[in-house]
Amino acid sequence: TRRQLIKNGGQLGVLAAAVQVTPSWALSAQNGVN
């Protein structure tokens, strides 16, 4: 989820080259970006 993506940024910085990150885009209606 978006919050997890932000929270786990440290791990993703290391894993980015090895895995494909696919966010769920489960967003609040406030920003409307899904």
ModelCIF file with pLDDT and N, C-alpha, C, O atoms, coordinates in Angstrom:
data_MODEL
#
_entry.id   MODEL 
#
_entity.id                         1 
_entity.type                       polymer 
_entity.pdbx_number_of_molecules   1 
#
_entity_poly.entity_id                      1 
_entity_poly.type                           'polypeptide(L)' 
_entity_poly.nstd_linkage                   no 
_entity_poly.nstd_monomer                   no 
_entity_poly.pdbx_seq_one_letter_code       TRRQLIKNGGQLGVLAAAVQVTPSWALSAQNGVN 
_entity_poly.pdbx_seq_one_letter_code_can   TRRQLIKNGGQLGVLAAAVQVTPSWALSAQNGVN 
_entity_poly.pdbx_strand_id                 A 
#
loop_
_entity_poly_seq.entity_id 
_entity_poly_seq.num 
_entity_poly_seq.mon_id 
_entity_poly_seq.hetero 
1 1  THR n 
1 2  ARG n 
1 3  ARG n 
1 4  GLN n 
1 5  LEU n 
1 6  ILE n 
1 7  LYS n 
1 8  ASN n 
1 9  GLY n 
1 10 GLY n 
1 11 GLN n 
1 12 LEU n 
1 13 GLY n 
1 14 VAL n 
1 15 LEU n 
1 16 ALA n 
1 17 ALA n 
1 18 ALA n 
1 19 VAL n 
1 20 GLN n 
1 21 VAL n 
1 22 THR n 
1 23 PRO n 
1 24 SER n 
1 25 TRP n 
1 26 ALA n 
1 27 LEU n 
1 28 SER n 
1 29 ALA n 
1 30 GLN n 
1 31 ASN n 
1 32 GLY n 
1 33 VAL n 
1 34 ASN n 
#
_struct_asym.id          A 
_struct_asym.entity_id   1 
#
loop_
_ma_qa_metric.id 
_ma_qa_metric.mode 
_ma_qa_metric.name 
_ma_qa_metric.software_group_id 
_ma_qa_metric.type 
1 global pLDDT . pLDDT 
2 local  pLDDT . pLDDT 
#
_ma_qa_metric_global.metric_id      1 
_ma_qa_metric_global.metric_value   42.59 
_ma_qa_metric_global.model_id       1 
_ma_qa_metric_global.ordinal_id     1 
#
loop_
_ma_qa_metric_local.label_asym_id 
_ma_qa_metric_local.label_comp_id 
_ma_qa_metric_local.label_seq_id 
_ma_qa_metric_local.metric_id 
_ma_qa_metric_local.metric_value 
_ma_qa_metric_local.model_id 
_ma_qa_metric_local.ordinal_id 
A THR 1  2 36.00 1 1  
A ARG 2  2 40.00 1 2  
A ARG 3  2 41.00 1 3  
A GLN 4  2 41.00 1 4  
A LEU 5  2 39.00 1 5  
A ILE 6  2 39.00 1 6  
A LYS 7  2 42.00 1 7  
A ASN 8  2 41.00 1 8  
A GLY 9  2 40.00 1 9  
A GLY 10 2 41.00 1 10 
A GLN 11 2 41.00 1 11 
A LEU 12 2 43.00 1 12 
A GLY 13 2 40.00 1 13 
A VAL 14 2 39.00 1 14 
A LEU 15 2 38.00 1 15 
A ALA 16 2 41.00 1 16 
A ALA 17 2 39.00 1 17 
A ALA 18 2 33.00 1 18 
A VAL 19 2 33.00 1 19 
A GLN 20 2 40.00 1 20 
A VAL 21 2 41.00 1 21 
A THR 22 2 39.00 1 22 
A PRO 23 2 45.00 1 23 
A SER 24 2 36.00 1 24 
A TRP 25 2 43.00 1 25 
A ALA 26 2 39.00 1 26 
A LEU 27 2 41.00 1 27 
A SER 28 2 36.00 1 28 
A ALA 29 2 38.00 1 29 
A GLN 30 2 48.00 1 30 
A ASN 31 2 53.00 1 31 
A GLY 32 2 60.00 1 32 
A VAL 33 2 74.00 1 33 
A ASN 34 2 68.00 1 34 
#
loop_
_atom_site.group_PDB 
_atom_site.id 
_atom_site.type_symbol 
_atom_site.label_atom_id 
_atom_site.label_alt_id 
_atom_site.label_comp_id 
_atom_site.label_asym_id 
_atom_site.label_entity_id 
_atom_site.label_seq_id 
_atom_site.pdbx_PDB_ins_code 
_atom_site.Cartn_x 
_atom_site.Cartn_y 
_atom_site.Cartn_z 
_atom_site.occupancy 
_atom_site.B_iso_or_equiv 
_atom_site.pdbx_formal_charge 
_atom_site.auth_seq_id 
_atom_site.auth_comp_id 
_atom_site.auth_asym_id 
_atom_site.auth_atom_id 
_atom_site.pdbx_PDB_model_num 
ATOM 1   N N  . THR A 1 1  ? 0.851   -1.177 0.000  1.00 36.00 ? 1  THR A N  1 
ATOM 2   C CA . THR A 1 1  ? 0.000   0.000  0.000  1.00 36.00 ? 1  THR A CA 1 
ATOM 3   C C  . THR A 1 1  ? 0.887   1.227  0.000  1.00 36.00 ? 1  THR A C  1 
ATOM 4   O O  . THR A 1 1  ? 2.095   1.132  0.219  1.00 36.00 ? 1  THR A O  1 
ATOM 5   N N  . ARG A 1 2  ? 0.278   2.392  -0.249 1.00 40.00 ? 2  ARG A N  1 
ATOM 6   C CA . ARG A 1 2  ? 1.061   3.621  -0.295 1.00 40.00 ? 2  ARG A CA 1 
ATOM 7   C C  . ARG A 1 2  ? 1.798   3.873  1.017  1.00 40.00 ? 2  ARG A C  1 
ATOM 8   O O  . ARG A 1 2  ? 2.984   4.201  1.006  1.00 40.00 ? 2  ARG A O  1 
ATOM 9   N N  . ARG A 1 3  ? 1.107   3.724  2.147  1.00 41.00 ? 3  ARG A N  1 
ATOM 10  C CA . ARG A 1 3  ? 1.771   3.990  3.422  1.00 41.00 ? 3  ARG A CA 1 
ATOM 11  C C  . ARG A 1 3  ? 2.921   3.022  3.655  1.00 41.00 ? 3  ARG A C  1 
ATOM 12  O O  . ARG A 1 3  ? 3.965   3.404  4.184  1.00 41.00 ? 3  ARG A O  1 
ATOM 13  N N  . GLN A 1 4  ? 2.725   1.746  3.253  1.00 41.00 ? 4  GLN A N  1 
ATOM 14  C CA . GLN A 1 4  ? 3.803   0.778  3.411  1.00 41.00 ? 4  GLN A CA 1 
ATOM 15  C C  . GLN A 1 4  ? 4.980   1.132  2.527  1.00 41.00 ? 4  GLN A C  1 
ATOM 16  O O  . GLN A 1 4  ? 6.135   0.952  2.913  1.00 41.00 ? 4  GLN A O  1 
ATOM 17  N N  . LEU A 1 5  ? 4.679   1.646  1.315  1.00 39.00 ? 5  LEU A N  1 
ATOM 18  C CA . LEU A 1 5  ? 5.747   2.003  0.398  1.00 39.00 ? 5  LEU A CA 1 
ATOM 19  C C  . LEU A 1 5  ? 6.625   3.091  0.996  1.00 39.00 ? 5  LEU A C  1 
ATOM 20  O O  . LEU A 1 5  ? 7.849   3.050  0.878  1.00 39.00 ? 5  LEU A O  1 
ATOM 21  N N  . ILE A 1 6  ? 5.980   4.077  1.645  1.00 39.00 ? 6  ILE A N  1 
ATOM 22  C CA . ILE A 1 6  ? 6.740   5.149  2.278  1.00 39.00 ? 6  ILE A CA 1 
ATOM 23  C C  . ILE A 1 6  ? 7.495   4.617  3.487  1.00 39.00 ? 6  ILE A C  1 
ATOM 24  O O  . ILE A 1 6  ? 8.674   4.917  3.673  1.00 39.00 ? 6  ILE A O  1 
ATOM 25  N N  . LYS A 1 7  ? 6.805   3.820  4.314  1.00 42.00 ? 7  LYS A N  1 
ATOM 26  C CA . LYS A 1 7  ? 7.398   3.305  5.538  1.00 42.00 ? 7  LYS A CA 1 
ATOM 27  C C  . LYS A 1 7  ? 8.589   2.403  5.245  1.00 42.00 ? 7  LYS A C  1 
ATOM 28  O O  . LYS A 1 7  ? 9.598   2.454  5.948  1.00 42.00 ? 7  LYS A O  1 
ATOM 29  N N  . ASN A 1 8  ? 8.474   1.577  4.209  1.00 41.00 ? 8  ASN A N  1 
ATOM 30  C CA . ASN A 1 8  ? 9.505   0.593  3.919  1.00 41.00 ? 8  ASN A CA 1 
ATOM 31  C C  . ASN A 1 8  ? 10.514  1.077  2.883  1.00 41.00 ? 8  ASN A C  1 
ATOM 32  O O  . ASN A 1 8  ? 11.211  0.280  2.257  1.00 41.00 ? 8  ASN A O  1 
ATOM 33  N N  . GLY A 1 9  ? 10.581  2.411  2.713  1.00 40.00 ? 9  GLY A N  1 
ATOM 34  C CA . GLY A 1 9  ? 11.470  2.955  1.697  1.00 40.00 ? 9  GLY A CA 1 
ATOM 35  C C  . GLY A 1 9  ? 12.897  2.493  1.843  1.00 40.00 ? 9  GLY A C  1 
ATOM 36  O O  . GLY A 1 9  ? 13.584  2.293  0.841  1.00 40.00 ? 9  GLY A O  1 
ATOM 37  N N  . GLY A 1 10 ? 13.366  2.314  3.075  1.00 41.00 ? 10 GLY A N  1 
ATOM 38  C CA . GLY A 1 10 ? 14.744  1.908  3.285  1.00 41.00 ? 10 GLY A CA 1 
ATOM 39  C C  . GLY A 1 10 ? 15.019  0.552  2.679  1.00 41.00 ? 10 GLY A C  1 
ATOM 40  O O  . GLY A 1 10 ? 16.065  0.344  2.064  1.00 41.00 ? 10 GLY A O  1 
ATOM 41  N N  . GLN A 1 11 ? 14.093  -0.370 2.844  1.00 41.00 ? 11 GLN A N  1 
ATOM 42  C CA . GLN A 1 11 ? 14.269  -1.690 2.271  1.00 41.00 ? 11 GLN A CA 1 
ATOM 43  C C  . GLN A 1 11 ? 14.179  -1.631 0.752  1.00 41.00 ? 11 GLN A C  1 
ATOM 44  O O  . GLN A 1 11 ? 14.929  -2.308 0.049  1.00 41.00 ? 11 GLN A O  1 
ATOM 45  N N  . LEU A 1 12 ? 13.249  -0.812 0.252  1.00 43.00 ? 12 LEU A N  1 
ATOM 46  C CA . LEU A 1 12 ? 13.066  -0.762 -1.192 1.00 43.00 ? 12 LEU A CA 1 
ATOM 47  C C  . LEU A 1 12 ? 14.278  -0.172 -1.887 1.00 43.00 ? 12 LEU A C  1 
ATOM 48  O O  . LEU A 1 12 ? 14.592  -0.548 -3.016 1.00 43.00 ? 12 LEU A O  1 
ATOM 49  N N  . GLY A 1 13 ? 14.968  0.757  -1.216 1.00 40.00 ? 13 GLY A N  1 
ATOM 50  C CA . GLY A 1 13 ? 16.163  1.330  -1.810 1.00 40.00 ? 13 GLY A CA 1 
ATOM 51  C C  . GLY A 1 13 ? 17.197  0.266  -2.091 1.00 40.00 ? 13 GLY A C  1 
ATOM 52  O O  . GLY A 1 13 ? 17.962  0.382  -3.049 1.00 40.00 ? 13 GLY A O  1 
ATOM 53  N N  . VAL A 1 14 ? 17.232  -0.778 -1.264 1.00 39.00 ? 14 VAL A N  1 
ATOM 54  C CA . VAL A 1 14 ? 18.178  -1.866 -1.447 1.00 39.00 ? 14 VAL A CA 1 
ATOM 55  C C  . VAL A 1 14 ? 17.638  -2.898 -2.419 1.00 39.00 ? 14 VAL A C  1 
ATOM 56  O O  . VAL A 1 14 ? 18.389  -3.482 -3.201 1.00 39.00 ? 14 VAL A O  1 
ATOM 57  N N  . LEU A 1 15 ? 16.310  -3.123 -2.367 1.00 38.00 ? 15 LEU A N  1 
ATOM 58  C CA . LEU A 1 15 ? 15.722  -4.200 -3.146 1.00 38.00 ? 15 LEU A CA 1 
ATOM 59  C C  . LEU A 1 15 ? 15.332  -3.787 -4.558 1.00 38.00 ? 15 LEU A C  1 
ATOM 60  O O  . LEU A 1 15 ? 14.996  -4.633 -5.387 1.00 38.00 ? 15 LEU A O  1 
ATOM 61  N N  . ALA A 1 16 ? 15.378  -2.466 -4.836 1.00 41.00 ? 16 ALA A N  1 
ATOM 62  C CA . ALA A 1 16 ? 14.849  -1.983 -6.111 1.00 41.00 ? 16 ALA A CA 1 
ATOM 63  C C  . ALA A 1 16 ? 15.457  -2.691 -7.306 1.00 41.00 ? 16 ALA A C  1 
ATOM 64  O O  . ALA A 1 16 ? 14.769  -2.972 -8.286 1.00 41.00 ? 16 ALA A O  1 
ATOM 65  N N  . ALA A 1 17 ? 16.750  -2.979 -7.224 1.00 39.00 ? 17 ALA A N  1 
ATOM 66  C CA . ALA A 1 17 ? 17.410  -3.597 -8.364 1.00 39.00 ? 17 ALA A CA 1 
ATOM 67  C C  . ALA A 1 17 ? 17.030  -5.060 -8.519 1.00 39.00 ? 17 ALA A C  1 
ATOM 68  O O  . ALA A 1 17 ? 17.172  -5.629 -9.601 1.00 39.00 ? 17 ALA A O  1 
ATOM 69  N N  . ALA A 1 18 ? 16.544  -5.677 -7.433 1.00 33.00 ? 18 ALA A N  1 
ATOM 70  C CA . ALA A 1 18 ? 16.298  -7.113 -7.462 1.00 33.00 ? 18 ALA A CA 1 
ATOM 71  C C  . ALA A 1 18 ? 14.837  -7.471 -7.670 1.00 33.00 ? 18 ALA A C  1 
ATOM 72  O O  . ALA A 1 18 ? 14.540  -8.557 -8.168 1.00 33.00 ? 18 ALA A O  1 
ATOM 73  N N  . VAL A 1 19 ? 13.914  -6.584 -7.301 1.00 33.00 ? 19 VAL A N  1 
ATOM 74  C CA . VAL A 1 19 ? 12.513  -6.924 -7.389 1.00 33.00 ? 19 VAL A CA 1 
ATOM 75  C C  . VAL A 1 19 ? 11.749  -5.821 -8.089 1.00 33.00 ? 19 VAL A C  1 
ATOM 76  O O  . VAL A 1 19 ? 12.211  -4.683 -8.175 1.00 33.00 ? 19 VAL A O  1 
ATOM 77  N N  . GLN A 1 20 ? 10.602  -6.163 -8.576 1.00 40.00 ? 20 GLN A N  1 
ATOM 78  C CA . GLN A 1 20 ? 9.707   -5.182 -9.186 1.00 40.00 ? 20 GLN A CA 1 
ATOM 79  C C  . GLN A 1 20 ? 8.677   -4.771 -8.158 1.00 40.00 ? 20 GLN A C  1 
ATOM 80  O O  . GLN A 1 20 ? 7.919   -5.602 -7.660 1.00 40.00 ? 20 GLN A O  1 
ATOM 81  N N  . VAL A 1 21 ? 8.650   -3.486 -7.842 1.00 41.00 ? 21 VAL A N  1 
ATOM 82  C CA . VAL A 1 21 ? 7.723   -2.994 -6.840 1.00 41.00 ? 21 VAL A CA 1 
ATOM 83  C C  . VAL A 1 21 ? 6.401   -2.640 -7.512 1.00 41.00 ? 21 VAL A C  1 
ATOM 84  O O  . VAL A 1 21 ? 6.381   -1.831 -8.439 1.00 41.00 ? 21 VAL A O  1 
ATOM 85  N N  . THR A 1 22 ? 5.315   -3.223 -7.068 1.00 39.00 ? 22 THR A N  1 
ATOM 86  C CA . THR A 1 22 ? 3.997   -2.986 -7.653 1.00 39.00 ? 22 THR A CA 1 
ATOM 87  C C  . THR A 1 22 ? 3.064   -2.450 -6.589 1.00 39.00 ? 22 THR A C  1 
ATOM 88  O O  . THR A 1 22 ? 2.465   -3.238 -5.857 1.00 39.00 ? 22 THR A O  1 
ATOM 89  N N  . PRO A 1 23 ? 2.916   -1.126 -6.473 1.00 45.00 ? 23 PRO A N  1 
ATOM 90  C CA . PRO A 1 23 ? 2.042   -0.571 -5.449 1.00 45.00 ? 23 PRO A CA 1 
ATOM 91  C C  . PRO A 1 23 ? 0.591   -0.910 -5.735 1.00 45.00 ? 23 PRO A C  1 
ATOM 92  O O  . PRO A 1 23 ? 0.206   -1.063 -6.894 1.00 45.00 ? 23 PRO A O  1 
ATOM 93  N N  . SER A 1 24 ? -0.211  -1.029 -4.699 1.00 36.00 ? 24 SER A N  1 
ATOM 94  C CA . SER A 1 24 ? -1.624  -1.360 -4.872 1.00 36.00 ? 24 SER A CA 1 
ATOM 95  C C  . SER A 1 24 ? -2.453  -0.140 -5.226 1.00 36.00 ? 24 SER A C  1 
ATOM 96  O O  . SER A 1 24 ? -3.583  -0.277 -5.696 1.00 36.00 ? 24 SER A O  1 
ATOM 97  N N  . TRP A 1 25 ? -1.907  1.062  -5.005 1.00 43.00 ? 25 TRP A N  1 
ATOM 98  C CA . TRP A 1 25 ? -2.612  2.301  -5.275 1.00 43.00 ? 25 TRP A CA 1 
ATOM 99  C C  . TRP A 1 25 ? -3.941  2.367  -4.530 1.00 43.00 ? 25 TRP A C  1 
ATOM 100 O O  . TRP A 1 25 ? -4.933  2.895  -5.034 1.00 43.00 ? 25 TRP A O  1 
ATOM 101 N N  . ALA A 1 26 ? -3.935  1.810  -3.302 1.00 39.00 ? 26 ALA A N  1 
ATOM 102 C CA . ALA A 1 26 ? -5.127  1.913  -2.453 1.00 39.00 ? 26 ALA A CA 1 
ATOM 103 C C  . ALA A 1 26 ? -5.095  3.276  -1.785 1.00 39.00 ? 26 ALA A C  1 
ATOM 104 O O  . ALA A 1 26 ? -4.500  3.442  -0.720 1.00 39.00 ? 26 ALA A O  1 
ATOM 105 N N  . LEU A 1 27 ? -5.727  4.236  -2.405 1.00 41.00 ? 27 LEU A N  1 
ATOM 106 C CA . LEU A 1 27 ? -5.599  5.623  -1.969 1.00 41.00 ? 27 LEU A CA 1 
ATOM 107 C C  . LEU A 1 27 ? -6.877  6.147  -1.345 1.00 41.00 ? 27 LEU A C  1 
ATOM 108 O O  . LEU A 1 27 ? -7.966  5.618  -1.567 1.00 41.00 ? 27 LEU A O  1 
ATOM 109 N N  . SER A 1 28 ? -6.716  7.188  -0.568 1.00 36.00 ? 28 SER A N  1 
ATOM 110 C CA . SER A 1 28 ? -7.888  7.877  -0.041 1.00 36.00 ? 28 SER A CA 1 
ATOM 111 C C  . SER A 1 28 ? -8.539  8.668  -1.164 1.00 36.00 ? 28 SER A C  1 
ATOM 112 O O  . SER A 1 28 ? -7.896  8.980  -2.167 1.00 36.00 ? 28 SER A O  1 
ATOM 113 N N  . ALA A 1 29 ? -9.801  8.990  -0.996 1.00 38.00 ? 29 ALA A N  1 
ATOM 114 C CA . ALA A 1 29 ? -10.510 9.737  -2.041 1.00 38.00 ? 29 ALA A CA 1 
ATOM 115 C C  . ALA A 1 29 ? -10.048 11.186 -2.105 1.00 38.00 ? 29 ALA A C  1 
ATOM 116 O O  . ALA A 1 29 ? -10.392 11.914 -3.036 1.00 38.00 ? 29 ALA A O  1 
ATOM 117 N N  . GLN A 1 30 ? -9.272  11.599 -1.118 1.00 48.00 ? 30 GLN A N  1 
ATOM 118 C CA . GLN A 1 30 ? -8.897  13.008 -1.037 1.00 48.00 ? 30 GLN A CA 1 
ATOM 119 C C  . GLN A 1 30 ? -8.004  13.437 -2.188 1.00 48.00 ? 30 GLN A C  1 
ATOM 120 O O  . GLN A 1 30 ? -8.194  14.521 -2.739 1.00 48.00 ? 30 GLN A O  1 
ATOM 121 N N  . ASN A 1 31 ? -7.015  12.596 -2.571 1.00 53.00 ? 31 ASN A N  1 
ATOM 122 C CA . ASN A 1 31 ? -6.160  13.042 -3.663 1.00 53.00 ? 31 ASN A CA 1 
ATOM 123 C C  . ASN A 1 31 ? -6.562  12.436 -4.994 1.00 53.00 ? 31 ASN A C  1 
ATOM 124 O O  . ASN A 1 31 ? -6.092  12.895 -6.035 1.00 53.00 ? 31 ASN A O  1 
ATOM 125 N N  . GLY A 1 32 ? -7.421  11.414 -4.996 1.00 60.00 ? 32 GLY A N  1 
ATOM 126 C CA . GLY A 1 32 ? -8.003  10.911 -6.228 1.00 60.00 ? 32 GLY A CA 1 
ATOM 127 C C  . GLY A 1 32 ? -7.043  10.271 -7.195 1.00 60.00 ? 32 GLY A C  1 
ATOM 128 O O  . GLY A 1 32 ? -7.396  10.073 -8.358 1.00 60.00 ? 32 GLY A O  1 
ATOM 129 N N  . VAL A 1 33 ? -5.836  9.936  -6.763 1.00 74.00 ? 33 VAL A N  1 
ATOM 130 C CA . VAL A 1 33 ? -4.858  9.308  -7.637 1.00 74.00 ? 33 VAL A CA 1 
ATOM 131 C C  . VAL A 1 33 ? -4.838  7.824  -7.330 1.00 74.00 ? 33 VAL A C  1 
ATOM 132 O O  . VAL A 1 33 ? -4.427  7.422  -6.242 1.00 74.00 ? 33 VAL A O  1 
ATOM 133 N N  . ASN A 1 34 ? -5.274  7.006  -8.271 1.00 68.00 ? 34 ASN A N  1 
ATOM 134 C CA . ASN A 1 34 ? -5.326  5.575  -7.989 1.00 68.00 ? 34 ASN A CA 1 
ATOM 135 C C  . ASN A 1 34 ? -4.595  4.732  -9.016 1.00 68.00 ? 34 ASN A C  1 
ATOM 136 O O  . ASN A 1 34 ? -4.560  3.507  -8.897 1.00 68.00 ? 34 ASN A O  1 
#
